[in-house]
């Protein structure tokens, strides 16, 4: 079901196992699909856990500040990665 949703949204990656949720590229594709007006060009997929955590944190901050306008500081990007 998750892969069907991703396909409808135009995401390229598919979910093969739970590890997929630790990759920043999945979240970047989801953000691009959900929020096509946002410019995410400045965020490139990370090559290691630290870079991926920084990217996911940037997405969390963007979601908190520009979209939901609520505090999401309780969500840890490092815990996701």
Protein backbone atom coordinates (compact mmCIF):
# COMPACT_ATOMS: atom_id res chain seq x y z
CA UNK A 1 0.00 0.00 0.00
CA UNK A 2 2.85 2.37 0.81
CA UNK A 3 4.44 1.74 -2.57
CA UNK A 4 1.12 2.45 -4.31
CA UNK A 5 0.92 5.82 -2.56
CA UNK A 6 4.52 6.62 -3.49
CA UNK A 7 3.82 5.72 -7.11
CA UNK A 8 0.75 7.97 -7.22
CA UNK A 9 2.82 10.80 -5.76
CA UNK A 10 5.50 10.28 -8.38
CA UNK A 11 8.25 9.14 -6.02
CA UNK A 12 10.96 7.06 -7.69
CA UNK A 13 12.01 4.95 -4.71
CA UNK A 14 9.98 2.03 -3.47
CA UNK A 15 9.83 0.60 -0.01
CA UNK A 16 11.40 -2.85 0.11
CA UNK A 17 12.07 -3.00 3.82
CA UNK A 18 11.98 -0.82 6.92
CA UNK A 19 15.55 0.39 6.26
CA UNK A 20 14.23 2.53 3.39
CA UNK A 21 12.75 4.88 6.00
CA UNK A 22 16.26 5.79 7.17
CA UNK A 23 17.28 7.28 3.81
CA UNK A 24 16.90 10.99 3.31
CA UNK A 25 16.16 10.53 -0.40
CA UNK A 26 12.77 8.94 0.43
CA UNK A 27 11.75 11.93 2.54
CA UNK A 28 13.01 14.37 -0.07
CA UNK A 29 10.88 12.66 -2.74
CA UNK A 30 7.85 12.69 -0.47
CA UNK A 31 8.28 16.41 0.22
CA UNK A 32 8.65 17.12 -3.49
CA UNK A 33 5.46 15.16 -4.18
CA UNK A 34 3.41 16.63 -1.32
CA UNK A 35 4.68 20.19 -1.70
CA UNK A 36 5.55 20.79 -5.38
CA UNK A 37 5.85 24.55 -4.86
CA UNK A 38 8.73 24.20 -2.41
CA UNK A 39 12.24 24.53 -3.78
CA UNK A 40 14.34 21.70 -2.39
CA UNK A 41 17.21 22.12 -4.86
CA UNK A 42 19.59 23.16 -2.08
CA UNK A 43 19.18 19.77 -0.39
CA UNK A 44 21.09 16.95 -2.06
CA UNK A 45 20.97 13.33 -0.86
CA UNK A 46 23.49 12.66 1.88
CA UNK A 47 26.34 10.25 1.47
CA UNK A 48 26.57 9.24 5.12
CA UNK A 49 24.39 9.16 8.24
CA UNK A 50 25.47 12.63 9.38
CA UNK A 51 24.59 14.26 6.04
CA UNK A 52 21.30 12.37 5.85
CA UNK A 53 20.39 13.49 9.38
CA UNK A 54 21.16 17.10 8.43
CA UNK A 55 18.93 16.80 5.36
CA UNK A 56 16.08 15.27 7.32
CA UNK A 57 16.45 18.00 9.94
CA UNK A 58 16.20 20.62 7.19
CA UNK A 59 12.98 18.98 5.98
CA UNK A 60 11.58 18.84 9.53
CA UNK A 61 12.41 22.51 10.02
CA UNK A 62 10.81 23.41 6.70
CA UNK A 63 7.69 21.47 7.62
CA UNK A 64 7.54 23.11 11.05
CA UNK A 65 8.18 26.68 9.94
CA UNK A 66 6.72 27.00 6.44
CA UNK A 67 3.94 24.45 6.29
CA UNK A 68 2.53 23.48 9.68
CA UNK A 69 3.75 26.50 11.64
CA UNK A 70 4.17 24.42 14.81
CA UNK A 71 7.12 23.34 16.92
CA UNK A 72 8.49 19.98 15.82
CA UNK A 73 11.69 20.14 17.86
CA UNK A 74 10.71 16.90 19.59
CA UNK A 75 11.33 14.99 16.33
CA UNK A 76 14.96 13.86 16.08
CA UNK A 77 16.41 13.51 12.62
CA UNK A 78 19.26 11.44 14.06
CA UNK A 79 16.73 8.99 15.49
CA UNK A 80 15.14 8.65 12.04
CA UNK A 81 18.49 7.92 10.39
